[in-house]
């Protein structure tokens, strides 16, 4: 980085030629030319290294397609994962929202916010109380959704239901 700044200073401020800069600094001519042509100092960028989980990601996706709530430990068992569970859990955590909509992920709000202290005489009573409470729940702003659940629900449904339906074939006995 210091070489880059020095090369540019010598050439731009002092008017020193490329050949003279090469002699003064001991840098290669092409290095000096590259430094003069670049807008900023050189940056070291480590190439992206693949993860051990990359090889089984299609299998993880298939398991999540079957059930978006499947725990990572069950996925590990089903795909025959024998390595560290931490890297597998991290990848499952990254992928899961693709199969489970964000409004569904945030539905954990119902149990601690709606149910405590309520009594229900019947399933119909539960339904009536829930229907009167939902406008309040859907009107609140949820930080992870960057909006209100009622505003992002249609977009979320479209994203979740874009996947190909599972085709089931049934054969008659006999």
N, C-alpha and C. Protein backbone atom coordinates (compact mmCIF):
# COMPACT_ATOMS: atom_id res chain seq x y z
N UNK A 1 0.83 -1.18 0.00
CA UNK A 1 0.00 0.00 0.00
C UNK A 1 0.87 1.24 0.00
N UNK A 2 1.96 1.23 0.79
CA UNK A 2 2.85 2.39 0.81
C UNK A 2 3.50 2.56 -0.56
N UNK A 3 3.86 1.43 -1.22
CA UNK A 3 4.46 1.51 -2.55
C UNK A 3 3.50 2.17 -3.53
N UNK A 4 2.23 1.82 -3.45
CA UNK A 4 1.24 2.38 -4.36
C UNK A 4 1.18 3.89 -4.20
N UNK A 5 1.13 4.35 -2.95
CA UNK A 5 1.06 5.79 -2.69
C UNK A 5 2.34 6.49 -3.15
N UNK A 6 3.47 5.86 -2.88
CA UNK A 6 4.76 6.46 -3.27
C UNK A 6 4.89 6.54 -4.78
N UNK A 7 4.51 5.49 -5.49
CA UNK A 7 4.58 5.47 -6.95
C UNK A 7 3.71 6.59 -7.52
N UNK A 8 2.51 6.72 -7.03
CA UNK A 8 1.61 7.75 -7.53
C UNK A 8 2.12 9.15 -7.20
N UNK A 9 2.67 9.33 -5.99
CA UNK A 9 3.21 10.63 -5.61
C UNK A 9 4.38 11.01 -6.50
N UNK A 10 5.30 10.06 -6.71
CA UNK A 10 6.46 10.36 -7.55
C UNK A 10 6.05 10.75 -8.96
N UNK A 11 5.13 10.00 -9.52
CA UNK A 11 4.75 10.24 -10.91
C UNK A 11 3.88 11.50 -11.06
N UNK A 12 2.86 11.63 -10.22
CA UNK A 12 1.90 12.73 -10.37
C UNK A 12 2.44 14.06 -9.83
N UNK A 13 3.01 14.03 -8.61
CA UNK A 13 3.44 15.28 -7.98
C UNK A 13 4.82 15.74 -8.45
N UNK A 14 5.73 14.78 -8.60
CA UNK A 14 7.11 15.15 -8.94
C UNK A 14 7.43 14.97 -10.43
N UNK A 15 6.52 14.32 -11.16
CA UNK A 15 6.74 14.15 -12.59
C UNK A 15 7.84 13.16 -12.93
N UNK A 16 8.14 12.23 -12.05
CA UNK A 16 9.19 11.24 -12.28
C UNK A 16 8.68 10.21 -13.29
N UNK A 17 9.51 9.80 -14.21
CA UNK A 17 9.12 8.83 -15.24
C UNK A 17 8.98 7.44 -14.64
N UNK A 18 8.28 6.58 -15.36
CA UNK A 18 8.08 5.20 -14.92
C UNK A 18 9.41 4.50 -14.76
N UNK A 19 10.31 4.69 -15.72
CA UNK A 19 11.63 4.05 -15.68
C UNK A 19 12.40 4.48 -14.43
N UNK A 20 12.34 5.79 -14.10
CA UNK A 20 13.04 6.30 -12.92
C UNK A 20 12.41 5.75 -11.63
N UNK A 21 11.09 5.61 -11.62
CA UNK A 21 10.41 5.06 -10.44
C UNK A 21 10.83 3.61 -10.24
N UNK A 22 10.96 2.87 -11.33
CA UNK A 22 11.40 1.47 -11.26
C UNK A 22 12.78 1.40 -10.62
N UNK A 23 13.68 2.28 -11.06
CA UNK A 23 15.04 2.29 -10.50
C UNK A 23 15.04 2.66 -9.03
N UNK A 24 14.25 3.64 -8.64
CA UNK A 24 14.23 4.12 -7.25
C UNK A 24 13.62 3.10 -6.29
N UNK A 25 12.51 2.51 -6.72
CA UNK A 25 11.76 1.65 -5.80
C UNK A 25 12.12 0.18 -5.89
N UNK A 26 12.68 -0.23 -7.02
CA UNK A 26 13.00 -1.65 -7.19
C UNK A 26 11.77 -2.47 -7.59
N UNK A 27 10.67 -1.80 -7.88
CA UNK A 27 9.46 -2.49 -8.33
C UNK A 27 9.56 -2.81 -9.81
N UNK A 28 8.80 -3.80 -10.25
CA UNK A 28 8.76 -4.14 -11.67
C UNK A 28 8.03 -3.05 -12.44
N UNK A 29 8.39 -2.88 -13.70
CA UNK A 29 7.77 -1.84 -14.53
C UNK A 29 6.26 -2.03 -14.62
N UNK A 30 5.81 -3.27 -14.79
CA UNK A 30 4.36 -3.52 -14.88
C UNK A 30 3.65 -3.22 -13.56
N UNK A 31 4.33 -3.42 -12.44
CA UNK A 31 3.75 -3.08 -11.14
C UNK A 31 3.55 -1.58 -11.03
N UNK A 32 4.54 -0.82 -11.48
CA UNK A 32 4.44 0.65 -11.45
C UNK A 32 3.31 1.10 -12.36
N UNK A 33 3.24 0.52 -13.55
CA UNK A 33 2.15 0.89 -14.47
C UNK A 33 0.78 0.55 -13.89
N UNK A 34 0.67 -0.60 -13.25
CA UNK A 34 -0.60 -1.00 -12.63
C UNK A 34 -0.99 -0.03 -11.52
N UNK A 35 -0.01 0.38 -10.72
CA UNK A 35 -0.28 1.32 -9.62
C UNK A 35 -0.77 2.66 -10.17
N UNK A 36 -0.18 3.11 -11.28
CA UNK A 36 -0.59 4.38 -11.86
C UNK A 36 -1.97 4.29 -12.52
N UNK A 37 -2.30 3.12 -13.02
CA UNK A 37 -3.58 2.94 -13.72
C UNK A 37 -4.75 2.70 -12.75
N UNK A 38 -4.44 2.24 -11.55
CA UNK A 38 -5.53 1.90 -10.61
C UNK A 38 -6.03 3.14 -9.88
N UNK A 39 -7.30 3.05 -9.47
CA UNK A 39 -7.93 4.16 -8.73
C UNK A 39 -7.64 4.09 -7.24
N UNK A 40 -7.32 2.92 -6.75
CA UNK A 40 -7.09 2.77 -5.32
C UNK A 40 -5.96 1.79 -5.06
N UNK A 41 -5.55 1.69 -3.81
CA UNK A 41 -4.47 0.76 -3.48
C UNK A 41 -4.90 -0.68 -3.71
N UNK A 42 -3.95 -1.56 -3.94
CA UNK A 42 -4.30 -2.96 -4.17
C UNK A 42 -4.92 -3.56 -2.91
N UNK A 43 -5.86 -4.45 -3.12
CA UNK A 43 -6.54 -5.11 -2.00
C UNK A 43 -6.32 -6.60 -2.12
N UNK A 44 -6.07 -7.21 -1.00
CA UNK A 44 -5.96 -8.66 -0.99
C UNK A 44 -7.36 -9.23 -0.85
N UNK A 45 -7.72 -10.06 -1.75
CA UNK A 45 -9.04 -10.71 -1.69
C UNK A 45 -8.84 -12.21 -1.74
N UNK A 46 -9.16 -12.84 -0.65
CA UNK A 46 -9.03 -14.29 -0.60
C UNK A 46 -10.16 -14.90 -1.42
N UNK A 47 -9.84 -15.84 -2.28
CA UNK A 47 -10.90 -16.45 -3.08
C UNK A 47 -11.87 -17.22 -2.17
N UNK A 48 -13.13 -17.17 -2.55
CA UNK A 48 -14.15 -17.86 -1.77
C UNK A 48 -13.84 -19.35 -1.72
N UNK A 49 -13.88 -19.88 -0.53
CA UNK A 49 -13.60 -21.29 -0.33
C UNK A 49 -14.92 -21.99 -0.09
N UNK A 50 -15.13 -23.07 -0.74
CA UNK A 50 -16.38 -23.80 -0.57
C UNK A 50 -16.49 -24.41 0.81
N UNK A 51 -17.70 -24.73 1.17
CA UNK A 51 -17.97 -25.35 2.46
C UNK A 51 -18.21 -26.84 2.26
N UNK A 52 -17.97 -27.60 3.29
CA UNK A 52 -18.22 -29.04 3.24
C UNK A 52 -19.70 -29.32 3.02
N UNK A 53 -20.55 -28.35 3.36
CA UNK A 53 -22.01 -28.52 3.24
C UNK A 53 -22.47 -28.32 1.79
N UNK A 54 -21.66 -27.66 0.96
CA UNK A 54 -22.06 -27.39 -0.42
C UNK A 54 -22.48 -28.65 -1.16
N UNK A 55 -21.78 -29.75 -0.91
CA UNK A 55 -22.07 -31.00 -1.62
C UNK A 55 -23.45 -31.56 -1.30
N UNK A 56 -23.94 -31.30 -0.10
CA UNK A 56 -25.24 -31.87 0.30
C UNK A 56 -26.37 -30.84 0.30
N UNK A 57 -26.09 -29.63 -0.15
CA UNK A 57 -27.15 -28.61 -0.14
C UNK A 57 -28.39 -29.02 -0.92
N UNK A 58 -28.27 -29.67 -2.09
CA UNK A 58 -29.49 -30.11 -2.78
C UNK A 58 -30.32 -31.07 -1.93
N UNK A 59 -29.66 -31.93 -1.17
CA UNK A 59 -30.39 -32.86 -0.30
C UNK A 59 -31.07 -32.11 0.85
N UNK A 60 -30.40 -31.09 1.38
CA UNK A 60 -30.99 -30.27 2.44
C UNK A 60 -32.25 -29.59 1.90
N UNK A 61 -32.13 -29.02 0.71
CA UNK A 61 -33.27 -28.34 0.10
C UNK A 61 -34.44 -29.30 -0.11
N UNK A 62 -34.14 -30.51 -0.52
CA UNK A 62 -35.19 -31.50 -0.74
C UNK A 62 -35.91 -31.82 0.57
N UNK A 63 -35.16 -31.96 1.65
CA UNK A 63 -35.77 -32.24 2.96
C UNK A 63 -36.63 -31.05 3.42
N UNK A 64 -36.14 -29.84 3.21
CA UNK A 64 -36.92 -28.65 3.59
C UNK A 64 -38.14 -28.49 2.71
N UNK A 65 -38.06 -28.94 1.47
CA UNK A 65 -39.22 -28.89 0.58
C UNK A 65 -40.31 -29.82 1.11
N UNK A 66 -39.91 -30.94 1.70
CA UNK A 66 -40.88 -31.86 2.27
C UNK A 66 -41.54 -31.28 3.52
N UNK A 67 -40.73 -30.63 4.37
CA UNK A 67 -41.25 -30.01 5.59
C UNK A 67 -40.30 -28.89 5.99
N UNK A 68 -40.76 -27.66 5.86
CA UNK A 68 -39.92 -26.49 6.14
C UNK A 68 -39.54 -26.39 7.60
N UNK A 69 -40.25 -27.08 8.48
CA UNK A 69 -39.95 -27.01 9.91
C UNK A 69 -39.06 -28.15 10.39
N UNK A 70 -38.62 -29.00 9.48
CA UNK A 70 -37.80 -30.13 9.86
C UNK A 70 -36.52 -29.66 10.56
N UNK A 71 -36.24 -30.15 11.76
CA UNK A 71 -35.03 -29.73 12.46
C UNK A 71 -33.76 -30.19 11.73
N UNK A 72 -32.71 -29.43 11.91
CA UNK A 72 -31.43 -29.74 11.26
C UNK A 72 -30.92 -31.11 11.68
N UNK A 73 -31.19 -31.52 12.92
CA UNK A 73 -30.72 -32.83 13.37
C UNK A 73 -31.41 -33.96 12.61
N UNK A 74 -32.68 -33.77 12.29
CA UNK A 74 -33.41 -34.78 11.52
C UNK A 74 -32.90 -34.79 10.07
N UNK A 75 -32.65 -33.61 9.53
CA UNK A 75 -32.10 -33.51 8.17
C UNK A 75 -30.75 -34.23 8.13
N UNK A 76 -29.92 -34.01 9.14
CA UNK A 76 -28.61 -34.66 9.20
C UNK A 76 -28.75 -36.17 9.17
N UNK A 77 -29.68 -36.67 9.93
CA UNK A 77 -29.91 -38.11 9.98
C UNK A 77 -30.37 -38.64 8.62
N UNK A 78 -31.30 -37.93 8.00
CA UNK A 78 -31.87 -38.40 6.73
C UNK A 78 -30.90 -38.34 5.56
N UNK A 79 -29.96 -37.40 5.60
CA UNK A 79 -29.00 -37.31 4.48
C UNK A 79 -27.70 -38.03 4.78
N UNK A 80 -27.60 -38.62 5.98
CA UNK A 80 -26.41 -39.37 6.34
C UNK A 80 -25.24 -38.47 6.70
N UNK A 81 -25.50 -37.33 7.30
CA UNK A 81 -24.45 -36.35 7.66
C UNK A 81 -23.68 -36.86 8.87
N UNK A 82 -22.36 -36.97 8.74
CA UNK A 82 -21.53 -37.46 9.84
C UNK A 82 -20.56 -36.41 10.34
N UNK A 83 -20.58 -35.24 9.74
CA UNK A 83 -19.65 -34.16 10.12
C UNK A 83 -20.25 -33.31 11.23
N UNK A 84 -19.65 -32.15 11.45
CA UNK A 84 -20.10 -31.23 12.49
C UNK A 84 -21.53 -30.75 12.22
N UNK A 85 -22.36 -30.80 13.25
CA UNK A 85 -23.73 -30.33 13.10
C UNK A 85 -23.79 -28.81 12.98
N UNK A 86 -22.80 -28.12 13.51
CA UNK A 86 -22.82 -26.65 13.49
C UNK A 86 -22.88 -26.10 12.08
N UNK A 87 -22.03 -26.60 11.19
CA UNK A 87 -22.02 -26.08 9.82
C UNK A 87 -23.31 -26.45 9.09
N UNK A 88 -23.84 -27.62 9.38
CA UNK A 88 -25.10 -28.03 8.76
C UNK A 88 -26.24 -27.15 9.28
N UNK A 89 -26.28 -26.92 10.58
CA UNK A 89 -27.34 -26.08 11.16
C UNK A 89 -27.28 -24.66 10.60
N UNK A 90 -26.06 -24.14 10.44
CA UNK A 90 -25.90 -22.79 9.88
C UNK A 90 -26.48 -22.72 8.47
N UNK A 91 -26.20 -23.74 7.65
CA UNK A 91 -26.70 -23.75 6.27
C UNK A 91 -28.22 -23.90 6.25
N UNK A 92 -28.75 -24.77 7.10
CA UNK A 92 -30.21 -24.95 7.17
C UNK A 92 -30.86 -23.63 7.57
N UNK A 93 -30.25 -22.93 8.52
CA UNK A 93 -30.78 -21.64 8.97
C UNK A 93 -30.78 -20.62 7.83
N UNK A 94 -29.79 -20.68 6.95
CA UNK A 94 -29.73 -19.77 5.80
C UNK A 94 -30.80 -20.10 4.76
N UNK A 95 -31.03 -21.38 4.54
CA UNK A 95 -31.92 -21.83 3.47
C UNK A 95 -33.39 -21.83 3.88
N UNK A 96 -33.67 -22.13 5.13
CA UNK A 96 -35.05 -22.34 5.58
C UNK A 96 -36.02 -21.23 5.17
N UNK A 97 -35.66 -19.93 5.26
CA UNK A 97 -36.64 -18.90 4.88
C UNK A 97 -37.14 -19.01 3.44
N UNK A 98 -36.38 -19.66 2.56
CA UNK A 98 -36.84 -19.85 1.18
C UNK A 98 -38.05 -20.77 1.12
N UNK A 99 -38.17 -21.65 2.10
CA UNK A 99 -39.24 -22.63 2.10
C UNK A 99 -40.32 -22.31 3.12
N UNK A 100 -40.02 -21.40 4.00
CA UNK A 100 -40.95 -21.04 5.06
C UNK A 100 -41.05 -19.53 5.03
N UNK A 101 -42.19 -19.01 4.66
CA UNK A 101 -42.34 -17.58 4.49
C UNK A 101 -42.03 -16.79 5.76
N UNK A 102 -41.62 -15.55 5.58
CA UNK A 102 -41.24 -14.72 6.72
C UNK A 102 -42.43 -14.46 7.65
N UNK A 103 -43.63 -14.33 7.10
CA UNK A 103 -44.76 -14.10 7.99
C UNK A 103 -45.05 -15.36 8.80
N UNK A 104 -44.80 -16.53 8.23
CA UNK A 104 -44.98 -17.77 8.98
C UNK A 104 -43.92 -17.89 10.06
N UNK A 105 -42.69 -17.50 9.74
CA UNK A 105 -41.61 -17.56 10.72
C UNK A 105 -41.96 -16.68 11.91
N UNK A 106 -42.56 -15.54 11.65
CA UNK A 106 -42.90 -14.61 12.72
C UNK A 106 -44.22 -14.93 13.40
N UNK A 107 -44.85 -16.06 13.04
CA UNK A 107 -46.12 -16.39 13.66
C UNK A 107 -45.94 -16.83 15.11
N UNK A 108 -44.73 -16.92 15.60
CA UNK A 108 -44.47 -17.20 17.00
C UNK A 108 -45.02 -16.12 17.91
N UNK A 109 -45.49 -15.06 17.34
CA UNK A 109 -46.08 -13.96 18.09
C UNK A 109 -47.42 -14.37 18.70
N UNK A 110 -48.12 -15.28 18.05
CA UNK A 110 -49.46 -15.68 18.49
C UNK A 110 -49.46 -16.26 19.90
N UNK A 111 -48.61 -17.25 20.13
CA UNK A 111 -48.66 -17.96 21.41
C UNK A 111 -48.38 -17.06 22.61
N UNK A 112 -47.30 -16.28 22.62
CA UNK A 112 -47.06 -15.46 23.81
C UNK A 112 -47.92 -14.20 23.89
N UNK A 113 -48.50 -13.77 22.78
CA UNK A 113 -49.23 -12.50 22.79
C UNK A 113 -50.75 -12.66 22.81
N UNK A 114 -51.25 -13.70 22.24
CA UNK A 114 -52.70 -13.87 22.16
C UNK A 114 -53.23 -14.83 23.24
N UNK A 115 -52.58 -15.96 23.42
CA UNK A 115 -53.13 -17.01 24.26
C UNK A 115 -53.09 -16.76 25.76
N UNK A 116 -52.03 -16.15 26.33
CA UNK A 116 -51.98 -16.05 27.80
C UNK A 116 -53.18 -15.29 28.39
N UNK A 117 -53.76 -15.91 29.41
CA UNK A 117 -54.86 -15.26 30.14
C UNK A 117 -56.21 -15.38 29.48
N UNK A 118 -56.30 -16.00 28.34
CA UNK A 118 -57.59 -16.15 27.66
C UNK A 118 -58.18 -17.53 27.94
N UNK A 119 -59.47 -17.56 27.98
CA UNK A 119 -60.17 -18.83 28.12
C UNK A 119 -61.14 -18.94 26.96
N UNK A 120 -61.30 -20.16 26.48
CA UNK A 120 -62.15 -20.39 25.32
C UNK A 120 -63.22 -21.42 25.68
N UNK A 121 -64.46 -21.05 25.43
CA UNK A 121 -65.58 -21.93 25.73
C UNK A 121 -65.72 -23.03 24.69
N UNK A 122 -65.27 -22.72 23.47
CA UNK A 122 -65.41 -23.68 22.37
C UNK A 122 -64.46 -23.29 21.25
N UNK A 123 -64.29 -24.16 20.27
CA UNK A 123 -63.47 -23.76 19.12
C UNK A 123 -64.02 -22.52 18.42
N UNK A 124 -65.32 -22.37 18.40
CA UNK A 124 -65.92 -21.18 17.79
C UNK A 124 -65.56 -19.92 18.58
N UNK A 125 -65.52 -20.04 19.91
CA UNK A 125 -65.14 -18.90 20.75
C UNK A 125 -63.67 -18.54 20.49
N UNK A 126 -62.82 -19.55 20.38
CA UNK A 126 -61.41 -19.31 20.05
C UNK A 126 -61.32 -18.55 18.73
N UNK A 127 -62.05 -19.03 17.74
CA UNK A 127 -62.03 -18.40 16.41
C UNK A 127 -62.49 -16.95 16.48
N UNK A 128 -63.58 -16.69 17.22
CA UNK A 128 -64.12 -15.32 17.33
C UNK A 128 -63.11 -14.39 18.01
N UNK A 129 -62.50 -14.86 19.11
CA UNK A 129 -61.52 -14.03 19.81
C UNK A 129 -60.29 -13.78 18.93
N UNK A 130 -59.87 -14.81 18.21
CA UNK A 130 -58.72 -14.66 17.34
C UNK A 130 -59.01 -13.65 16.22
N UNK A 131 -60.20 -13.73 15.64
CA UNK A 131 -60.57 -12.82 14.56
C UNK A 131 -60.61 -11.37 15.05
N UNK A 132 -61.02 -11.16 16.28
CA UNK A 132 -61.06 -9.78 16.79
C UNK A 132 -59.66 -9.29 17.17
N UNK A 133 -58.73 -10.21 17.47
CA UNK A 133 -57.36 -9.84 17.85
C UNK A 133 -56.45 -9.64 16.63
N UNK A 134 -56.70 -10.35 15.53
CA UNK A 134 -55.82 -10.31 14.35
C UNK A 134 -55.58 -8.93 13.76
N UNK A 135 -56.58 -8.05 13.68
CA UNK A 135 -56.28 -6.71 13.16
C UNK A 135 -55.18 -6.00 13.95
N UNK A 136 -55.18 -6.19 15.27
CA UNK A 136 -54.13 -5.59 16.10
C UNK A 136 -52.77 -6.22 15.77
N UNK A 137 -52.73 -7.55 15.68
CA UNK A 137 -51.47 -8.25 15.41
C UNK A 137 -50.92 -7.91 14.03
N UNK A 138 -51.80 -7.81 13.05
CA UNK A 138 -51.35 -7.54 11.68
C UNK A 138 -51.00 -6.08 11.44
N UNK A 139 -51.43 -5.20 12.33
CA UNK A 139 -51.15 -3.78 12.16
C UNK A 139 -49.82 -3.36 12.76
N UNK A 140 -49.25 -4.20 13.62
CA UNK A 140 -47.97 -3.83 14.25
C UNK A 140 -46.85 -3.95 13.24
N UNK A 141 -45.81 -3.15 13.41
CA UNK A 141 -44.64 -3.22 12.53
C UNK A 141 -43.67 -4.24 13.09
N UNK A 142 -43.24 -5.15 12.21
CA UNK A 142 -42.29 -6.19 12.59
C UNK A 142 -40.96 -5.86 11.93
N UNK A 143 -39.93 -5.67 12.74
CA UNK A 143 -38.64 -5.25 12.23
C UNK A 143 -38.08 -6.23 11.20
N UNK A 144 -38.16 -7.53 11.47
CA UNK A 144 -37.59 -8.52 10.54
C UNK A 144 -38.33 -8.55 9.21
N UNK A 145 -39.59 -8.15 9.20
CA UNK A 145 -40.36 -8.09 7.96
C UNK A 145 -40.20 -6.75 7.26
N UNK A 146 -39.69 -5.77 7.99
CA UNK A 146 -39.57 -4.39 7.51
C UNK A 146 -40.95 -3.85 7.11
N UNK A 147 -41.92 -4.17 7.93
CA UNK A 147 -43.26 -3.69 7.66
C UNK A 147 -44.28 -4.41 8.52
N UNK A 148 -45.53 -4.27 8.13
CA UNK A 148 -46.62 -4.91 8.85
C UNK A 148 -46.93 -6.25 8.18
N UNK A 149 -47.24 -7.30 8.95
CA UNK A 149 -47.56 -8.59 8.36
C UNK A 149 -48.64 -8.51 7.29
N UNK A 150 -49.66 -7.70 7.52
CA UNK A 150 -50.76 -7.59 6.57
C UNK A 150 -50.28 -7.02 5.22
N UNK A 151 -49.24 -6.19 5.24
CA UNK A 151 -48.74 -5.59 4.02
C UNK A 151 -47.83 -6.52 3.22
N UNK A 152 -47.14 -7.45 3.89
CA UNK A 152 -46.18 -8.31 3.18
C UNK A 152 -46.70 -9.72 2.95
N UNK A 153 -47.89 -10.03 3.43
CA UNK A 153 -48.42 -11.38 3.33
C UNK A 153 -48.58 -11.85 1.88
N UNK A 154 -49.14 -11.03 1.02
CA UNK A 154 -49.35 -11.44 -0.37
C UNK A 154 -48.03 -11.74 -1.06
N UNK A 155 -47.04 -10.87 -0.87
CA UNK A 155 -45.72 -11.09 -1.46
C UNK A 155 -45.07 -12.35 -0.90
N UNK A 156 -45.23 -12.55 0.39
CA UNK A 156 -44.65 -13.72 1.05
C UNK A 156 -45.29 -15.01 0.54
N UNK A 157 -46.61 -15.01 0.39
CA UNK A 157 -47.30 -16.19 -0.13
C UNK A 157 -46.82 -16.52 -1.54
N UNK A 158 -46.66 -15.50 -2.36
CA UNK A 158 -46.19 -15.71 -3.73
C UNK A 158 -44.80 -16.33 -3.73
N UNK A 159 -43.93 -15.88 -2.83
CA UNK A 159 -42.56 -16.40 -2.77
C UNK A 159 -42.54 -17.84 -2.28
N UNK A 160 -43.40 -18.17 -1.33
CA UNK A 160 -43.42 -19.52 -0.77
C UNK A 160 -44.06 -20.50 -1.73
N UNK A 161 -45.12 -20.10 -2.38
CA UNK A 161 -45.87 -21.03 -3.21
C UNK A 161 -45.38 -21.10 -4.66
N UNK A 162 -44.21 -20.54 -4.93
CA UNK A 162 -43.68 -20.62 -6.29
C UNK A 162 -43.06 -21.98 -6.59
N UNK A 163 -42.83 -22.79 -5.54
CA UNK A 163 -42.17 -24.07 -5.75
C UNK A 163 -43.10 -25.05 -6.46
N UNK A 164 -42.51 -26.04 -7.07
CA UNK A 164 -43.25 -27.04 -7.82
C UNK A 164 -44.02 -27.94 -6.86
N UNK A 165 -45.29 -28.17 -7.12
CA UNK A 165 -46.06 -29.03 -6.23
C UNK A 165 -45.56 -30.47 -6.30
N UNK A 166 -45.72 -31.17 -5.20
CA UNK A 166 -45.32 -32.58 -5.16
C UNK A 166 -46.37 -33.39 -5.87
N UNK A 167 -45.94 -34.21 -6.80
CA UNK A 167 -46.88 -35.02 -7.56
C UNK A 167 -47.00 -36.39 -6.87
N UNK A 168 -48.18 -36.73 -6.50
CA UNK A 168 -48.40 -38.02 -5.84
C UNK A 168 -49.16 -38.93 -6.80
N UNK A 169 -48.73 -40.14 -6.85
CA UNK A 169 -49.45 -41.12 -7.67
C UNK A 169 -49.99 -42.21 -6.77
N UNK A 170 -51.20 -42.56 -7.00
CA UNK A 170 -51.85 -43.57 -6.19
C UNK A 170 -52.18 -44.76 -7.08
N UNK A 171 -51.93 -45.90 -6.55
CA UNK A 171 -52.31 -47.09 -7.32
C UNK A 171 -53.39 -47.83 -6.53
N UNK A 172 -54.29 -48.38 -7.27
CA UNK A 172 -55.38 -49.11 -6.60
C UNK A 172 -54.88 -50.49 -6.20
N UNK A 173 -55.30 -50.96 -5.04
CA UNK A 173 -54.85 -52.29 -4.58
C UNK A 173 -55.38 -53.38 -5.49
N UNK A 174 -54.56 -54.39 -5.67
CA UNK A 174 -55.01 -55.55 -6.39
C UNK A 174 -54.51 -55.63 -7.73
